[in-house]
Amino acid sequence: MQLYNYSLKVKNKLLLSNVNIKFESGVINHLLGKNGVGKSCFAKSILGVFPYKGEIKTNAKSIVAIGSYTNLPLDLLGQDILDLTRRLYKKETVDYLFNLLNIGDIPLNNRLKNLSDGQKQKLKLLYFLSKEPELIILDEFTNALDKKTSMDIYKFLNTFLKQGNITSINITHNLSDLEYMEGNYYLIEDQNIISGLSKEEIINYYIKGE
């Protein structure tokens, strides 16, 4: 995905100005920045929620955005989500994700509201990724997850998101994301998106402001 002369203004606040940058496929693209710089608004512009100037060039026919909150109906059983996913999408894709996410370890006879945050997130990943999207945006996805569940999901994402046909953008404040998921590192600052940073450089900036 490439941005050409991309600018974004939301509620009369200019967030990004004349940005030209590329996000690679087959690698996890981490996007960091201080609160209020426009990370989530940028994601929403890709989805068509906010208008922008310039061009976003992508070959992706399908785009999904997954946040930290659970946007599946909480009164549904886990089994309901699995059954719906199997009705809508390819069997081989659903089975692949089912095994990779260890969905069989989740008590699917329970309602979503009674499952842990990590179990809900795994079911959400199963549902949305079975669609086989080419562009995936994770927005603070690992927030509120316990350490064990986070490690399980890091392992899954490291396998799934590094397929060559997938472009992924991981919007995060969680430095554990950087520690356990190698990738490219981008920083929103001064109405621009800066690329070419090392993991150490972006962590130093984020912790020390350097």
C-alpha atoms as a PDB file:
ATOM      1  CA  MET A   1       0.000   0.000   0.000  1.00  0.00           C
ATOM      2  CA  GLN A   2       1.352   3.413  -0.968  1.00  0.00           C
ATOM      3  CA  LEU A   3       0.360   6.959  -0.067  1.00  0.00           C
ATOM      4  CA  TYR A   4       0.831   9.713  -2.627  1.00  0.00           C
ATOM      5  CA  ASN A   5       0.568  13.342  -1.513  1.00  0.00           C
ATOM      6  CA  TYR A   6      -1.790  12.135   1.212  1.00  0.00           C
ATOM      7  CA  SER A   7      -3.289  14.679   3.617  1.00  0.00           C
ATOM      8  CA  LEU A   8      -5.858  14.186   6.366  1.00  0.00           C
ATOM      9  CA  LYS A   9      -7.858  16.819   8.220  1.00  0.00           C
ATOM     10  CA  VAL A  10     -10.426  15.888  10.870  1.00  0.00           C
ATOM     11  CA  LYS A  11     -12.625  18.516  12.566  1.00  0.00           C
ATOM     12  CA  ASN A  12     -10.498  21.305  11.095  1.00  0.00           C
ATOM     13  CA  LYS A  13      -7.322  19.794  12.580  1.00  0.00           C
ATOM     14  CA  LEU A  14      -4.631  18.897  10.067  1.00  0.00           C
ATOM     15  CA  LEU A  15      -3.247  15.527  11.140  1.00  0.00           C
ATOM     16  CA  LEU A  16      -1.163  14.489   8.146  1.00  0.00           C
ATOM     17  CA  SER A  17       0.165  16.677   5.340  1.00  0.00           C
ATOM     18  CA  ASN A  18       1.431  15.647   1.906  1.00  0.00           C
ATOM     19  CA  VAL A  19       2.673  12.212   2.988  1.00  0.00           C
ATOM     20  CA  ASN A  20       4.404   9.916   0.490  1.00  0.00           C
ATOM     21  CA  ILE A  21       5.210   6.507   1.925  1.00  0.00           C
ATOM     22  CA  LYS A  22       4.910   2.765   1.326  1.00  0.00           C
ATOM     23  CA  PHE A  23       3.747  -0.034   3.622  1.00  0.00           C
ATOM     24  CA  GLU A  24       5.169  -3.382   2.537  1.00  0.00           C
ATOM     25  CA  SER A  25       3.268  -6.635   2.253  1.00  0.00           C
ATOM     26  CA  GLY A  26       4.504  -9.818   3.931  1.00  0.00           C
ATOM     27  CA  VAL A  27       5.793  -7.903   6.957  1.00  0.00           C
ATOM     28  CA  ILE A  28       4.148  -6.421  10.042  1.00  0.00           C
ATOM     29  CA  ASN A  29       4.138  -2.620   9.746  1.00  0.00           C
ATOM     30  CA  HIS A  30       4.062  -1.105  13.252  1.00  0.00           C
ATOM     31  CA  LEU A  31       2.691   2.437  13.473  1.00  0.00           C
ATOM     32  CA  LEU A  32       3.368   4.462  16.620  1.00  0.00           C
ATOM     33  CA  GLY A  33       2.867   8.040  17.705  1.00  0.00           C
ATOM     34  CA  LYS A  34       1.749  10.134  20.645  1.00  0.00           C
ATOM     35  CA  ASN A  35      -1.907  10.446  21.575  1.00  0.00           C
ATOM     36  CA  GLY A  36      -3.829  12.721  19.251  1.00  0.00           C
ATOM     37  CA  VAL A  37      -1.479  12.622  16.263  1.00  0.00           C
ATOM     38  CA  GLY A  38      -4.020  10.790  14.128  1.00  0.00           C
ATOM     39  CA  LYS A  39      -3.172   7.082  14.126  1.00  0.00           C
ATOM     40  CA  SER A  40      -6.734   5.808  14.413  1.00  0.00           C
ATOM     41  CA  CYS A  41      -8.069   8.554  12.141  1.00  0.00           C
ATOM     42  CA  PHE A  42      -5.542   7.466   9.530  1.00  0.00           C
ATOM     43  CA  ALA A  43      -6.846   3.898   9.822  1.00  0.00           C
ATOM     44  CA  LYS A  44     -10.431   5.106   9.462  1.00  0.00           C
ATOM     45  CA  SER A  45      -9.518   7.072   6.337  1.00  0.00           C
ATOM     46  CA  ILE A  46      -8.254   3.862   4.736  1.00  0.00           C
ATOM     47  CA  LEU A  47     -11.661   2.344   5.499  1.00  0.00           C
ATOM     48  CA  GLY A  48     -13.435   5.316   3.949  1.00  0.00           C
ATOM     49  CA  VAL A  49     -14.777   6.759   7.202  1.00  0.00           C
ATOM     50  CA  PHE A  50     -12.846  10.046   6.912  1.00  0.00           C
ATOM     51  CA  PRO A  51     -12.212  11.859   3.614  1.00  0.00           C
ATOM     52  CA  TYR A  52      -8.631  12.628   2.654  1.00  0.00           C
ATOM     53  CA  LYS A  53      -6.696  14.348  -0.090  1.00  0.00           C
ATOM     54  CA  GLY A  54      -4.163  12.629  -2.303  1.00  0.00           C
ATOM     55  CA  GLU A  55      -4.157   8.942  -3.140  1.00  0.00           C
ATOM     56  CA  ILE A  56      -4.064   5.631  -1.275  1.00  0.00           C
ATOM     57  CA  LYS A  57      -2.949   3.015  -3.791  1.00  0.00           C
ATOM     58  CA  THR A  58      -3.603  -0.604  -2.892  1.00  0.00           C
ATOM     59  CA  ASN A  59      -4.453  -3.794  -4.723  1.00  0.00           C
ATOM     60  CA  ALA A  60      -6.443  -5.053  -1.747  1.00  0.00           C
ATOM     61  CA  LYS A  61      -9.969  -6.090  -2.671  1.00  0.00           C
ATOM     62  CA  SER A  62     -10.858  -6.732   0.968  1.00  0.00           C
ATOM     63  CA  ILE A  63      -9.874  -4.688   4.029  1.00  0.00           C
ATOM     64  CA  VAL A  64     -10.585  -5.431   7.682  1.00  0.00           C
ATOM     65  CA  ALA A  65      -9.862  -3.413  10.821  1.00  0.00           C
ATOM     66  CA  ILE A  66      -9.772  -5.136  14.205  1.00  0.00           C
ATOM     67  CA  GLY A  67      -9.644  -3.181  17.462  1.00  0.00           C
ATOM     68  CA  SER A  68      -9.228  -4.057  21.105  1.00  0.00           C
ATOM     69  CA  TYR A  69     -12.954  -4.002  21.822  1.00  0.00           C
ATOM     70  CA  THR A  70     -15.290  -6.901  21.041  1.00  0.00           C
ATOM     71  CA  ASN A  71     -17.679  -5.919  18.259  1.00  0.00           C
ATOM     72  CA  LEU A  72     -19.351  -9.332  18.010  1.00  0.00           C
ATOM     73  CA  PRO A  73     -22.737  -9.746  19.777  1.00  0.00           C
ATOM     74  CA  LEU A  74     -21.927 -10.769  23.326  1.00  0.00           C
ATOM     75  CA  ASP A  75     -25.067 -12.875  23.763  1.00  0.00           C
ATOM     76  CA  LEU A  76     -24.003 -15.276  21.022  1.00  0.00           C
ATOM     77  CA  LEU A  77     -22.324 -18.568  21.879  1.00  0.00           C
ATOM     78  CA  GLY A  78     -18.793 -19.154  20.729  1.00  0.00           C
ATOM     79  CA  GLN A  79     -20.216 -22.025  18.677  1.00  0.00           C
ATOM     80  CA  ASP A  80     -22.585 -19.568  16.942  1.00  0.00           C
ATOM     81  CA  ILE A  81     -19.577 -17.557  15.729  1.00  0.00           C
ATOM     82  CA  LEU A  82     -17.863 -20.709  14.509  1.00  0.00           C
ATOM     83  CA  ASP A  83     -20.987 -21.951  12.711  1.00  0.00           C
ATOM     84  CA  LEU A  84     -21.567 -18.579  11.041  1.00  0.00           C
ATOM     85  CA  THR A  85     -17.927 -18.381   9.948  1.00  0.00           C
ATOM     86  CA  ARG A  86     -18.135 -21.856   8.415  1.00  0.00           C
ATOM     87  CA  ARG A  87     -21.296 -20.933   6.520  1.00  0.00           C
ATOM     88  CA  LEU A  88     -19.820 -17.740   5.081  1.00  0.00           C
ATOM     89  CA  TYR A  89     -16.250 -18.636   4.188  1.00  0.00           C
ATOM     90  CA  LYS A  90     -14.099 -21.355   2.633  1.00  0.00           C
ATOM     91  CA  LYS A  91     -13.806 -24.509   4.697  1.00  0.00           C
ATOM     92  CA  GLU A  92     -10.050 -24.827   4.218  1.00  0.00           C
ATOM     93  CA  THR A  93      -9.484 -21.228   5.347  1.00  0.00           C
ATOM     94  CA  VAL A  94     -11.686 -21.604   8.437  1.00  0.00           C
ATOM     95  CA  ASP A  95     -10.072 -24.931   9.360  1.00  0.00           C
ATOM     96  CA  TYR A  96      -6.575 -23.460   8.943  1.00  0.00           C
ATOM     97  CA  LEU A  97      -7.361 -20.517  11.225  1.00  0.00           C
ATOM     98  CA  PHE A  98      -9.250 -22.734  13.684  1.00  0.00           C
ATOM     99  CA  ASN A  99      -6.124 -24.819  14.202  1.00  0.00           C
ATOM    100  CA  LEU A 100      -3.643 -21.935  14.135  1.00  0.00           C
ATOM    101  CA  LEU A 101      -5.643 -20.017  16.766  1.00  0.00           C
ATOM    102  CA  ASN A 102      -6.299 -23.098  18.936  1.00  0.00           C
ATOM    103  CA  ILE A 103     -10.031 -22.365  18.859  1.00  0.00           C
ATOM    104  CA  GLY A 104     -10.643 -25.928  20.061  1.00  0.00           C
ATOM    105  CA  ASP A 105      -9.332 -24.876  23.490  1.00  0.00           C
ATOM    106  CA  ILE A 106     -12.153 -22.323  23.889  1.00  0.00           C
ATOM    107  CA  PRO A 107     -15.388 -23.476  25.614  1.00  0.00           C
ATOM    108  CA  LEU A 108     -17.603 -22.729  22.621  1.00  0.00           C
ATOM    109  CA  ASN A 109     -20.815 -23.576  24.507  1.00  0.00           C
ATOM    110  CA  ASN A 110     -20.323 -20.374  26.547  1.00  0.00           C
ATOM    111  CA  ARG A 111     -21.674 -16.987  25.547  1.00  0.00           C
ATOM    112  CA  LEU A 112     -19.090 -14.445  24.416  1.00  0.00           C
ATOM    113  CA  LYS A 113     -19.782 -12.246  27.454  1.00  0.00           C
ATOM    114  CA  ASN A 114     -18.593 -15.093  29.671  1.00  0.00           C
ATOM    115  CA  LEU A 115     -15.354 -15.692  27.777  1.00  0.00           C
ATOM    116  CA  SER A 116     -12.021 -14.044  28.543  1.00  0.00           C
ATOM    117  CA  ASP A 117     -10.850 -11.056  26.481  1.00  0.00           C
ATOM    118  CA  GLY A 118      -8.267 -13.287  24.813  1.00  0.00           C
ATOM    119  CA  GLN A 119     -10.834 -15.918  23.850  1.00  0.00           C
ATOM    120  CA  LYS A 120     -13.083 -13.222  22.377  1.00  0.00           C
ATOM    121  CA  GLN A 121     -10.173 -11.820  20.388  1.00  0.00           C
ATOM    122  CA  LYS A 122      -9.337 -15.242  18.977  1.00  0.00           C
ATOM    123  CA  LEU A 123     -12.929 -15.768  17.839  1.00  0.00           C
ATOM    124  CA  LYS A 124     -12.918 -12.300  16.327  1.00  0.00           C
ATOM    125  CA  LEU A 125      -9.713 -13.090  14.437  1.00  0.00           C
ATOM    126  CA  LEU A 126     -11.250 -16.325  13.190  1.00  0.00           C
ATOM    127  CA  TYR A 127     -14.350 -14.539  11.907  1.00  0.00           C
ATOM    128  CA  PHE A 128     -12.711 -11.537  10.250  1.00  0.00           C
ATOM    129  CA  LEU A 129      -9.619 -13.238   8.847  1.00  0.00           C
ATOM    130  CA  SER A 130     -11.606 -16.096   7.319  1.00  0.00           C
ATOM    131  CA  LYS A 131     -12.720 -13.442   4.836  1.00  0.00           C
ATOM    132  CA  GLU A 132      -9.152 -13.623   3.458  1.00  0.00           C
ATOM    133  CA  PRO A 133      -8.480  -9.870   3.509  1.00  0.00           C
ATOM    134  CA  GLU A 134      -5.422  -8.526   1.708  1.00  0.00           C
ATOM    135  CA  LEU A 135      -5.171  -5.453   3.969  1.00  0.00           C
ATOM    136  CA  ILE A 136      -5.453  -5.841   7.750  1.00  0.00           C
ATOM    137  CA  ILE A 137      -5.394  -2.994  10.268  1.00  0.00           C
ATOM    138  CA  LEU A 138      -4.921  -3.836  13.946  1.00  0.00           C
ATOM    139  CA  ASP A 139      -5.787  -0.899  16.212  1.00  0.00           C
ATOM    140  CA  GLU A 140      -4.472  -1.362  19.771  1.00  0.00           C
ATOM    141  CA  PHE A 141      -5.402  -5.003  19.318  1.00  0.00           C
ATOM    142  CA  THR A 142      -3.357  -6.436  22.209  1.00  0.00           C
ATOM    143  CA  ASN A 143      -4.646  -3.969  24.812  1.00  0.00           C
ATOM    144  CA  ALA A 144      -6.076  -5.597  27.952  1.00  0.00           C
ATOM    145  CA  LEU A 145      -4.791  -9.088  27.098  1.00  0.00           C
ATOM    146  CA  ASP A 146      -2.949 -11.127  29.714  1.00  0.00           C
ATOM    147  CA  LYS A 147       0.630 -12.185  29.060  1.00  0.00           C
ATOM    148  CA  LYS A 148      -0.122 -15.787  28.067  1.00  0.00           C
ATOM    149  CA  THR A 149      -2.878 -14.828  25.628  1.00  0.00           C
ATOM    150  CA  SER A 150      -0.717 -12.066  24.165  1.00  0.00           C
ATOM    151  CA  MET A 151       2.060 -14.579  23.496  1.00  0.00           C
ATOM    152  CA  ASP A 152      -0.401 -16.950  21.808  1.00  0.00           C
ATOM    153  CA  ILE A 153      -1.664 -14.162  19.577  1.00  0.00           C
ATOM    154  CA  TYR A 154       1.850 -12.909  18.803  1.00  0.00           C
ATOM    155  CA  LYS A 155       2.734 -16.411  17.637  1.00  0.00           C
ATOM    156  CA  PHE A 156      -0.368 -16.530  15.458  1.00  0.00           C
ATOM    157  CA  LEU A 157       0.160 -13.069  13.945  1.00  0.00           C
ATOM    158  CA  ASN A 158       3.822 -13.768  13.215  1.00  0.00           C
ATOM    159  CA  THR A 159       2.714 -16.719  11.114  1.00  0.00           C
ATOM    160  CA  PHE A 160      -0.409 -15.298   9.510  1.00  0.00           C
ATOM    161  CA  LEU A 161       0.544 -11.676   8.756  1.00  0.00           C
ATOM    162  CA  LYS A 162       3.842 -12.541   7.090  1.00  0.00           C
ATOM    163  CA  GLN A 163       2.179 -14.130   4.102  1.00  0.00           C
ATOM    164  CA  GLY A 164       3.319 -12.312   0.984  1.00  0.00           C
ATOM    165  CA  ASN A 165      -0.148 -11.294  -0.184  1.00  0.00           C
ATOM    166  CA  ILE A 166      -1.137  -9.552   3.076  1.00  0.00           C
ATOM    167  CA  THR A 167      -0.405  -5.947   4.006  1.00  0.00           C
ATOM    168  CA  SER A 168      -0.767  -5.326   7.728  1.00  0.00           C
ATOM    169  CA  ILE A 169      -0.622  -2.155   9.806  1.00  0.00           C
ATOM    170  CA  ASN A 170      -0.384  -2.554  13.574  1.00  0.00           C
ATOM    171  CA  ILE A 171      -1.331   0.651  15.401  1.00  0.00           C
ATOM    172  CA  THR A 172      -0.022   0.259  18.913  1.00  0.00           C
ATOM    173  CA  HIS A 173       1.156   1.771  22.184  1.00  0.00           C
ATOM    174  CA  ASN A 174       2.233  -1.627  23.462  1.00  0.00           C
ATOM    175  CA  LEU A 175       6.008  -2.008  23.219  1.00  0.00           C
ATOM    176  CA  SER A 176       5.628  -5.766  23.702  1.00  0.00           C
ATOM    177  CA  ASP A 177       4.202  -5.797  20.167  1.00  0.00           C
ATOM    178  CA  LEU A 178       7.579  -4.594  18.932  1.00  0.00           C
ATOM    179  CA  GLU A 179       9.480  -7.025  21.116  1.00  0.00           C
ATOM    180  CA  TYR A 180       7.627 -10.128  19.975  1.00  0.00           C
ATOM    181  CA  MET A 181       6.663  -9.217  16.394  1.00  0.00           C
ATOM    182  CA  GLU A 182       9.538  -8.173  14.166  1.00  0.00           C
ATOM    183  CA  GLY A 183       8.623  -5.873  11.327  1.00  0.00           C
ATOM    184  CA  ASN A 184       8.930  -2.374   9.930  1.00  0.00           C
ATOM    185  CA  TYR A 185       8.558   0.640  12.187  1.00  0.00           C
ATOM    186  CA  TYR A 186       6.758   3.899  11.397  1.00  0.00           C
ATOM    187  CA  LEU A 187       6.207   7.013  13.475  1.00  0.00           C
ATOM    188  CA  ILE A 188       3.575   9.731  13.063  1.00  0.00           C
ATOM    189  CA  GLU A 189       5.100  13.054  14.053  1.00  0.00           C
ATOM    190  CA  ASP A 190       4.763  16.655  12.875  1.00  0.00           C
ATOM    191  CA  GLN A 191       1.972  15.746  10.423  1.00  0.00           C
ATOM    192  CA  ASN A 192       4.180  13.202   8.689  1.00  0.00           C
ATOM    193  CA  ILE A 193       4.770   9.441   8.748  1.00  0.00           C
ATOM    194  CA  ILE A 194       8.457   8.656   9.253  1.00  0.00           C
ATOM    195  CA  SER A 195       9.826   5.321   8.025  1.00  0.00           C
ATOM    196  CA  GLY A 196      13.205   3.593   8.061  1.00  0.00           C
ATOM    197  CA  LEU A 197      13.453   3.503  11.848  1.00  0.00           C
ATOM    198  CA  SER A 198      15.005   0.610  13.743  1.00  0.00           C
ATOM    199  CA  LYS A 199      13.216  -1.028  16.653  1.00  0.00           C
ATOM    200  CA  GLU A 200      15.720   0.547  19.054  1.00  0.00           C
ATOM    201  CA  GLU A 201      15.220   4.026  17.580  1.00  0.00           C
ATOM    202  CA  ILE A 202      11.456   3.952  17.816  1.00  0.00           C
ATOM    203  CA  ILE A 203      11.512   2.531  21.372  1.00  0.00           C
ATOM    204  CA  ASN A 204      13.999   5.214  22.457  1.00  0.00           C
ATOM    205  CA  TYR A 205      11.745   7.868  20.953  1.00  0.00           C
ATOM    206  CA  TYR A 206       8.670   6.466  22.591  1.00  0.00           C
ATOM    207  CA  ILE A 207      10.179   6.028  26.052  1.00  0.00           C
ATOM    208  CA  LYS A 208      12.713   8.850  26.175  1.00  0.00           C
ATOM    209  CA  GLY A 209      11.445  11.241  23.509  1.00  0.00           C
ATOM    210  CA  GLU A 210      14.755  10.975  21.663  1.00  0.00           C
END
